[in-house]
PDB file of all heavy atoms in Angstrom:
ATOM      1  N   GLY A   1     -84.208  -6.280  41.939  1.00  0.00           N
ATOM      2  CA  GLY A   1     -84.504  -7.672  41.600  1.00  0.00           C
ATOM      3  C   GLY A   1     -85.810  -7.840  40.851  1.00  0.00           C
ATOM      4  O   GLY A   1     -86.058  -8.910  40.268  1.00  0.00           O
ATOM      5  N   ASN A   2     -86.666  -6.815  40.858  1.00  0.00           N
ATOM      6  CA  ASN A   2     -87.926  -6.866  40.120  1.00  0.00           C
ATOM      7  C   ASN A   2     -87.902  -5.940  38.908  1.00  0.00           C
ATOM      8  O   ASN A   2     -88.933  -5.448  38.463  1.00  0.00           O
ATOM      9  CB  ASN A   2     -89.088  -6.491  41.041  1.00  0.00           C
ATOM     10  CG  ASN A   2     -89.480  -7.626  41.955  1.00  0.00           C
ATOM     11  OD1 ASN A   2     -90.354  -8.421  41.656  1.00  0.00           O
ATOM     12  ND2 ASN A   2     -88.791  -7.730  43.087  1.00  0.00           N
ATOM     13  N   SER A   3     -86.706  -5.694  38.383  1.00  0.00           N
ATOM     14  CA  SER A   3     -86.544  -4.902  37.170  1.00  0.00           C
ATOM     15  C   SER A   3     -86.030  -5.795  36.041  1.00  0.00           C
ATOM     16  O   SER A   3     -85.597  -6.925  36.269  1.00  0.00           O
ATOM     17  CB  SER A   3     -85.556  -3.750  37.422  1.00  0.00           C
ATOM     18  OG  SER A   3     -84.240  -4.259  37.601  1.00  0.00           O
ATOM     19  N   ALA A   4     -86.048  -5.250  34.836  1.00  0.00           N
ATOM     20  CA  ALA A   4     -85.574  -6.017  33.670  1.00  0.00           C
ATOM     21  C   ALA A   4     -84.060  -6.208  33.701  1.00  0.00           C
ATOM     22  O   ALA A   4     -83.528  -7.077  33.002  1.00  0.00           O
ATOM     23  CB  ALA A   4     -85.991  -5.298  32.383  1.00  0.00           C
ATOM     24  N   GLN A   5     -83.359  -5.402  34.506  1.00  0.00           N
ATOM     25  CA  GLN A   5     -81.891  -5.466  34.565  1.00  0.00           C
ATOM     26  C   GLN A   5     -81.398  -6.427  35.647  1.00  0.00           C
ATOM     27  O   GLN A   5     -80.199  -6.485  35.922  1.00  0.00           O
ATOM     28  CB  GLN A   5     -81.317  -4.070  34.828  1.00  0.00           C
ATOM     29  CG  GLN A   5     -81.495  -3.090  33.687  1.00  0.00           C
ATOM     30  CD  GLN A   5     -82.927  -2.615  33.549  1.00  0.00           C
ATOM     31  OE1 GLN A   5     -83.569  -2.285  34.536  1.00  0.00           O
ATOM     32  NE2 GLN A   5     -83.441  -2.605  32.323  1.00  0.00           N
ATOM     33  N   ARG A   6     -82.277  -7.166  36.268  1.00  0.00           N
ATOM     34  CA  ARG A   6     -81.926  -8.015  37.403  1.00  0.00           C
ATOM     35  C   ARG A   6     -80.771  -8.964  37.093  1.00  0.00           C
ATOM     36  O   ARG A   6     -79.774  -9.006  37.811  1.00  0.00           O
ATOM     37  CB  ARG A   6     -83.147  -8.821  37.834  1.00  0.00           C
ATOM     38  CG  ARG A   6     -82.867  -9.869  38.899  1.00  0.00           C
ATOM     39  CD  ARG A   6     -84.078 -10.737  39.145  1.00  0.00           C
ATOM     40  NE  ARG A   6     -83.826 -11.737  40.154  1.00  0.00           N
ATOM     41  CZ  ARG A   6     -83.260 -12.928  39.921  1.00  0.00           C
ATOM     42  NH1 ARG A   6     -82.891 -13.236  38.693  1.00  0.00           N
ATOM     43  NH2 ARG A   6     -83.068 -13.787  40.913  1.00  0.00           N
ATOM     44  N   ASP A   7     -80.886  -9.747  36.030  1.00  0.00           N
ATOM     45  CA  ASP A   7     -79.902 -10.797  35.742  1.00  0.00           C
ATOM     46  C   ASP A   7     -78.519 -10.213  35.477  1.00  0.00           C
ATOM     47  O   ASP A   7     -77.509 -10.733  35.970  1.00  0.00           O
ATOM     48  CB  ASP A   7     -80.362 -11.636  34.544  1.00  0.00           C
ATOM     49  CG  ASP A   7     -81.620 -12.423  34.851  1.00  0.00           C
ATOM     50  OD1 ASP A   7     -81.874 -12.691  36.037  1.00  0.00           O
ATOM     51  OD2 ASP A   7     -82.361 -12.763  33.906  1.00  0.00           O
ATOM     52  N   VAL A   8     -78.461  -9.115  34.699  1.00  0.00           N
ATOM     53  CA  VAL A   8     -77.173  -8.510  34.359  1.00  0.00           C
ATOM     54  C   VAL A   8     -76.492  -7.957  35.609  1.00  0.00           C
ATOM     55  O   VAL A   8     -75.313  -8.226  35.871  1.00  0.00           O
ATOM     56  CB  VAL A   8     -77.356  -7.381  33.319  1.00  0.00           C
ATOM     57  CG1 VAL A   8     -76.032  -6.660  33.074  1.00  0.00           C
ATOM     58  CG2 VAL A   8     -77.891  -7.947  32.016  1.00  0.00           C
ATOM     59  N   LEU A   9     -77.241  -7.194  36.408  1.00  0.00           N
ATOM     60  CA  LEU A   9     -76.654  -6.549  37.571  1.00  0.00           C
ATOM     61  C   LEU A   9     -76.330  -7.551  38.683  1.00  0.00           C
ATOM     62  O   LEU A   9     -75.354  -7.380  39.417  1.00  0.00           O
ATOM     63  CB  LEU A   9     -77.588  -5.467  38.096  1.00  0.00           C
ATOM     64  CG  LEU A   9     -77.811  -4.294  37.135  1.00  0.00           C
ATOM     65  CD1 LEU A   9     -78.718  -3.258  37.765  1.00  0.00           C
ATOM     66  CD2 LEU A   9     -76.483  -3.653  36.739  1.00  0.00           C
ATOM     67  N   LEU A  10     -77.141  -8.599  38.806  1.00  0.00           N
ATOM     68  CA  LEU A  10     -76.843  -9.632  39.793  1.00  0.00           C
ATOM     69  C   LEU A  10     -75.537 -10.333  39.453  1.00  0.00           C
ATOM     70  O   LEU A  10     -74.714 -10.620  40.336  1.00  0.00           O
ATOM     71  CB  LEU A  10     -77.993 -10.644  39.857  1.00  0.00           C
ATOM     72  CG  LEU A  10     -77.860 -11.774  40.885  1.00  0.00           C
ATOM     73  CD1 LEU A  10     -77.749 -11.207  42.291  1.00  0.00           C
ATOM     74  CD2 LEU A  10     -79.048 -12.724  40.788  1.00  0.00           C
ATOM     75  N   LYS A  11     -75.331 -10.581  38.165  1.00  0.00           N
ATOM     76  CA  LYS A  11     -74.091 -11.221  37.707  1.00  0.00           C
ATOM     77  C   LYS A  11     -72.883 -10.343  38.019  1.00  0.00           C
ATOM     78  O   LYS A  11     -71.811 -10.837  38.369  1.00  0.00           O
ATOM     79  CB  LYS A  11     -74.185 -11.507  36.204  1.00  0.00           C
ATOM     80  CG  LYS A  11     -72.975 -12.225  35.629  1.00  0.00           C
ATOM     81  CD  LYS A  11     -73.156 -12.474  34.137  1.00  0.00           C
ATOM     82  CE  LYS A  11     -71.937 -13.167  33.551  1.00  0.00           C
ATOM     83  NZ  LYS A  11     -72.102 -13.389  32.078  1.00  0.00           N
ATOM     84  N   ARG A  12     -73.061  -9.024  37.894  1.00  0.00           N
ATOM     85  CA  ARG A  12     -71.949  -8.097  38.143  1.00  0.00           C
ATOM     86  C   ARG A  12     -71.707  -7.885  39.640  1.00  0.00           C
ATOM     87  O   ARG A  12     -70.574  -7.654  40.066  1.00  0.00           O
ATOM     88  CB  ARG A  12     -72.254  -6.736  37.487  1.00  0.00           C
ATOM     89  CG  ARG A  12     -72.384  -6.799  35.974  1.00  0.00           C
ATOM     90  CD  ARG A  12     -71.078  -7.162  35.328  1.00  0.00           C
ATOM     91  NE  ARG A  12     -71.204  -7.235  33.878  1.00  0.00           N
ATOM     92  CZ  ARG A  12     -70.219  -7.624  33.062  1.00  0.00           C
ATOM     93  NH1 ARG A  12     -69.051  -7.972  33.588  1.00  0.00           N
ATOM     94  NH2 ARG A  12     -70.405  -7.675  31.766  1.00  0.00           N
ATOM     95  N   ALA A  13     -72.758  -7.929  40.419  1.00  0.00           N
ATOM     96  CA  ALA A  13     -72.634  -7.612  41.843  1.00  0.00           C
ATOM     97  C   ALA A  13     -72.125  -8.784  42.670  1.00  0.00           C
ATOM     98  O   ALA A  13     -71.448  -8.580  43.694  1.00  0.00           O
ATOM     99  CB  ALA A  13     -73.978  -7.144  42.393  1.00  0.00           C
ATOM    100  N   GLN A  14     -72.420  -9.999  42.242  1.00  0.00           N
ATOM    101  CA  GLN A  14     -72.094 -11.162  43.075  1.00  0.00           C
ATOM    102  C   GLN A  14     -70.605 -11.343  43.362  1.00  0.00           C
ATOM    103  O   GLN A  14     -70.242 -11.655  44.506  1.00  0.00           O
ATOM    104  CB  GLN A  14     -72.688 -12.428  42.463  1.00  0.00           C
ATOM    105  CG  GLN A  14     -74.132 -12.664  42.897  1.00  0.00           C
ATOM    106  CD  GLN A  14     -74.611 -14.053  42.570  1.00  0.00           C
ATOM    107  OE1 GLN A  14     -74.593 -14.463  41.413  1.00  0.00           O
ATOM    108  NE2 GLN A  14     -75.069 -14.769  43.571  1.00  0.00           N
ATOM    109  N   PRO A  15     -69.701 -11.162  42.354  1.00  0.00           N
ATOM    110  CA  PRO A  15     -68.271 -11.339  42.690  1.00  0.00           C
ATOM    111  C   PRO A  15     -67.788 -10.372  43.763  1.00  0.00           C
ATOM    112  O   PRO A  15     -67.056 -10.762  44.671  1.00  0.00           O
ATOM    113  CB  PRO A  15     -67.580 -11.077  41.338  1.00  0.00           C
ATOM    114  CG  PRO A  15     -68.609 -11.375  40.308  1.00  0.00           C
ATOM    115  CD  PRO A  15     -69.909 -10.955  40.910  1.00  0.00           C
ATOM    116  N   ILE A  16     -68.211  -9.102  43.666  1.00  0.00           N
ATOM    117  CA  ILE A  16     -67.808  -8.123  44.682  1.00  0.00           C
ATOM    118  C   ILE A  16     -68.428  -8.490  46.021  1.00  0.00           C
ATOM    119  O   ILE A  16     -67.784  -8.397  47.072  1.00  0.00           O
ATOM    120  CB  ILE A  16     -68.228  -6.707  44.250  1.00  0.00           C
ATOM    121  CG1 ILE A  16     -67.534  -6.335  42.949  1.00  0.00           C
ATOM    122  CG2 ILE A  16     -67.895  -5.690  45.335  1.00  0.00           C
ATOM    123  CD1 ILE A  16     -67.964  -5.029  42.367  1.00  0.00           C
ATOM    124  N   GLY A  17     -69.687  -8.906  45.988  1.00  0.00           N
ATOM    125  CA  GLY A  17     -70.350  -9.332  47.215  1.00  0.00           C
ATOM    126  C   GLY A  17     -69.641 -10.502  47.865  1.00  0.00           C
ATOM    127  O   GLY A  17     -69.526 -10.562  49.100  1.00  0.00           O
ATOM    128  N   SER A  18     -69.145 -11.439  47.049  1.00  0.00           N
ATOM    129  CA  SER A  18     -68.436 -12.601  47.596  1.00  0.00           C
ATOM    130  C   SER A  18     -67.155 -12.179  48.308  1.00  0.00           C
ATOM    131  O   SER A  18     -66.821 -12.708  49.378  1.00  0.00           O
ATOM    132  CB  SER A  18     -68.109 -13.588  46.464  1.00  0.00           C
ATOM    133  OG  SER A  18     -69.288 -14.074  45.867  1.00  0.00           O
ATOM    134  N   VAL A  19     -66.432 -11.212  47.719  1.00  0.00           N
ATOM    135  CA  VAL A  19     -65.186 -10.740  48.340  1.00  0.00           C
ATOM    136  C   VAL A  19     -65.483 -10.040  49.663  1.00  0.00           C
ATOM    137  O   VAL A  19     -64.839 -10.310  50.689  1.00  0.00           O
ATOM    138  CB  VAL A  19     -64.443  -9.784  47.379  1.00  0.00           C
ATOM    139  CG1 VAL A  19     -63.240  -9.161  48.084  1.00  0.00           C
ATOM    140  CG2 VAL A  19     -63.988 -10.532  46.133  1.00  0.00           C
ATOM    141  N   LEU A  20     -66.471  -9.139  49.661  1.00  0.00           N
ATOM    142  CA  LEU A  20     -66.802  -8.398  50.878  1.00  0.00           C
ATOM    143  C   LEU A  20     -67.364  -9.326  51.958  1.00  0.00           C
ATOM    144  O   LEU A  20     -67.121  -9.140  53.148  1.00  0.00           O
ATOM    145  CB  LEU A  20     -67.803  -7.289  50.560  1.00  0.00           C
ATOM    146  CG  LEU A  20     -67.268  -6.150  49.685  1.00  0.00           C
ATOM    147  CD1 LEU A  20     -68.371  -5.152  49.374  1.00  0.00           C
ATOM    148  CD2 LEU A  20     -66.103  -5.445  50.351  1.00  0.00           C
ATOM    149  N   LEU A  21     -68.120 -10.337  51.526  1.00  0.00           N
ATOM    150  CA  LEU A  21     -68.657 -11.299  52.483  1.00  0.00           C
ATOM    151  C   LEU A  21     -67.533 -12.122  53.110  1.00  0.00           C
ATOM    152  O   LEU A  21     -67.571 -12.448  54.300  1.00  0.00           O
ATOM    153  CB  LEU A  21     -69.666 -12.216  51.788  1.00  0.00           C
ATOM    154  CG  LEU A  21     -70.613 -12.996  52.704  1.00  0.00           C
ATOM    155  CD1 LEU A  21     -71.463 -12.038  53.517  1.00  0.00           C
ATOM    156  CD2 LEU A  21     -71.504 -13.913  51.874  1.00  0.00           C
ATOM    157  N   MET A  22     -66.516 -12.441  52.288  1.00  0.00           N
ATOM    158  CA  MET A  22     -65.353 -13.150  52.820  1.00  0.00           C
ATOM    159  C   MET A  22     -64.675 -12.304  53.904  1.00  0.00           C
ATOM    160  O   MET A  22     -64.296 -12.816  54.967  1.00  0.00           O
ATOM    161  CB  MET A  22     -64.365 -13.450  51.685  1.00  0.00           C
ATOM    162  CG  MET A  22     -63.089 -14.158  52.126  1.00  0.00           C
ATOM    163  SD  MET A  22     -61.743 -13.034  52.554  1.00  0.00           S
ATOM    164  CE  MET A  22     -61.300 -12.403  50.949  1.00  0.00           C
ATOM    165  N   VAL A  23     -64.549 -10.995  53.654  1.00  0.00           N
ATOM    166  CA  VAL A  23     -63.937 -10.108  54.640  1.00  0.00           C
ATOM    167  C   VAL A  23     -64.771 -10.067  55.916  1.00  0.00           C
ATOM    168  O   VAL A  23     -64.235 -10.053  57.033  1.00  0.00           O
ATOM    169  CB  VAL A  23     -63.769  -8.687  54.055  1.00  0.00           C
ATOM    170  CG1 VAL A  23     -63.225  -7.735  55.114  1.00  0.00           C
ATOM    171  CG2 VAL A  23     -62.844  -8.708  52.850  1.00  0.00           C
ATOM    172  N   PHE A  24     -66.102 -10.068  55.759  1.00  0.00           N
ATOM    173  CA  PHE A  24     -66.979 -10.028  56.929  1.00  0.00           C
ATOM    174  C   PHE A  24     -66.771 -11.245  57.822  1.00  0.00           C
ATOM    175  O   PHE A  24     -66.567 -11.124  59.030  1.00  0.00           O
ATOM    176  CB  PHE A  24     -68.440  -9.946  56.475  1.00  0.00           C
ATOM    177  CG  PHE A  24     -69.432 -10.127  57.596  1.00  0.00           C
ATOM    178  CD1 PHE A  24     -69.566  -9.164  58.575  1.00  0.00           C
ATOM    179  CD2 PHE A  24     -70.212 -11.269  57.675  1.00  0.00           C
ATOM    180  CE1 PHE A  24     -70.472  -9.319  59.619  1.00  0.00           C
ATOM    181  CE2 PHE A  24     -71.121 -11.438  58.706  1.00  0.00           C
ATOM    182  CZ  PHE A  24     -71.253 -10.465  59.679  1.00  0.00           C
ATOM    183  N   PHE A  25     -66.791 -12.441  57.232  1.00  0.00           N
ATOM    184  CA  PHE A  25     -66.627 -13.651  58.036  1.00  0.00           C
ATOM    185  C   PHE A  25     -65.195 -13.795  58.540  1.00  0.00           C
ATOM    186  O   PHE A  25     -64.959 -14.365  59.605  1.00  0.00           O
ATOM    187  CB  PHE A  25     -67.052 -14.875  57.236  1.00  0.00           C
ATOM    188  CG  PHE A  25     -68.544 -15.017  57.125  1.00  0.00           C
ATOM    189  CD1 PHE A  25     -69.202 -14.700  55.958  1.00  0.00           C
ATOM    190  CD2 PHE A  25     -69.302 -15.428  58.200  1.00  0.00           C
ATOM    191  CE1 PHE A  25     -70.582 -14.801  55.866  1.00  0.00           C
ATOM    192  CE2 PHE A  25     -70.675 -15.529  58.125  1.00  0.00           C
ATOM    193  CZ  PHE A  25     -71.318 -15.218  56.953  1.00  0.00           C
ATOM    194  N   LEU A  26     -64.237 -13.262  57.782  1.00  0.00           N
ATOM    195  CA  LEU A  26     -62.858 -13.230  58.262  1.00  0.00           C
ATOM    196  C   LEU A  26     -62.764 -12.376  59.521  1.00  0.00           C
ATOM    197  O   LEU A  26     -62.104 -12.746  60.500  1.00  0.00           O
ATOM    198  CB  LEU A  26     -61.956 -12.654  57.166  1.00  0.00           C
ATOM    199  CG  LEU A  26     -60.444 -12.717  57.385  1.00  0.00           C
ATOM    200  CD1 LEU A  26     -59.955 -14.154  57.231  1.00  0.00           C
ATOM    201  CD2 LEU A  26     -59.731 -11.821  56.387  1.00  0.00           C
ATOM    202  N   SER A  27     -63.459 -11.235  59.513  1.00  0.00           N
ATOM    203  CA  SER A  27     -63.439 -10.355  60.685  1.00  0.00           C
ATOM    204  C   SER A  27     -64.103 -11.006  61.895  1.00  0.00           C
ATOM    205  O   SER A  27     -63.735 -10.741  63.033  1.00  0.00           O
ATOM    206  CB  SER A  27     -64.131  -9.026  60.355  1.00  0.00           C
ATOM    207  OG  SER A  27     -65.526  -9.196  60.207  1.00  0.00           O
TER     208      SER A  27
END
């Protein structure tokens, strides 16, 4: 988050994070 690639990688990681987080709360 303190690198120059923060915005690009955050954009890519969030959709996968949302799916896995959904599974966590489902469990």
